[in-house]
Amino acid sequence: MQDYKDVLAEILIDEKTLQKRVAELGAEISEDYQSGNLLLICILRGGVPFMVDLSRHITVPHMMDFMAVSSYGAGSRESNGNVRVTLDLQMNIKDKDVLLVEDIVDSGHTIASVLGMLETRQPASLKVCALLDKAERREAVVPIHYRGFSIPNKFVFGYGLDLDEYYRNLPFVGVVDLQKYRPD
């Protein structure tokens, strides 16, 4: 695996800016969900750092659950549109205020499919909180109720987003230099 510094074109969103926005989102969510019936659902694996940090800034009682879905072919950076659940929720979401926490909304196919699946389980409400919104790539309609950042159509990594499964731990979001990046 290449060192990330060798393929980092630029830091798109630095750690301080990320953490400030996550705190703001936590405050907004806390204001909107006073019912005590809030369930955060994280799409694994990329959303984990974001959800953990976000949860620390949500001041109302809330629960967490996780699901894993796959829509990417091996070694692919783009969804193939065929979404399958590889790990389902452990909790019943019926009558809960569900907030789906996602690292990035790109084409929108995956998240639209997940929303459709979750809607059939009769939550009291169902909304999306996305750290990154790559709207110019959108092919499916996805309502994003809480948006961290709108970003350009660039290949990004860090803060949950992987580069060949590495570098999710970086405290910033960086852009990959496609001239220097060599996928394994």
Foldseek 3Di string as FASTA:
>chain_A
DDDVVQFFPWFPWFLVLLLVLLLVLLVVVLVVDQPLQEEEEEAPDLQVLSVVSNVVNNPGHYHYWYWYKDQADVPDPDGPLDIDTPGDTPDQQAQGAYEYEYAEQAQNSHVVVVVVVVVVSHHVHYAYAYAEYQPVRHDDDHHHPHYNYYDHPFDKAECRRDDLNPRVPHSTITGTRVVRDDRD
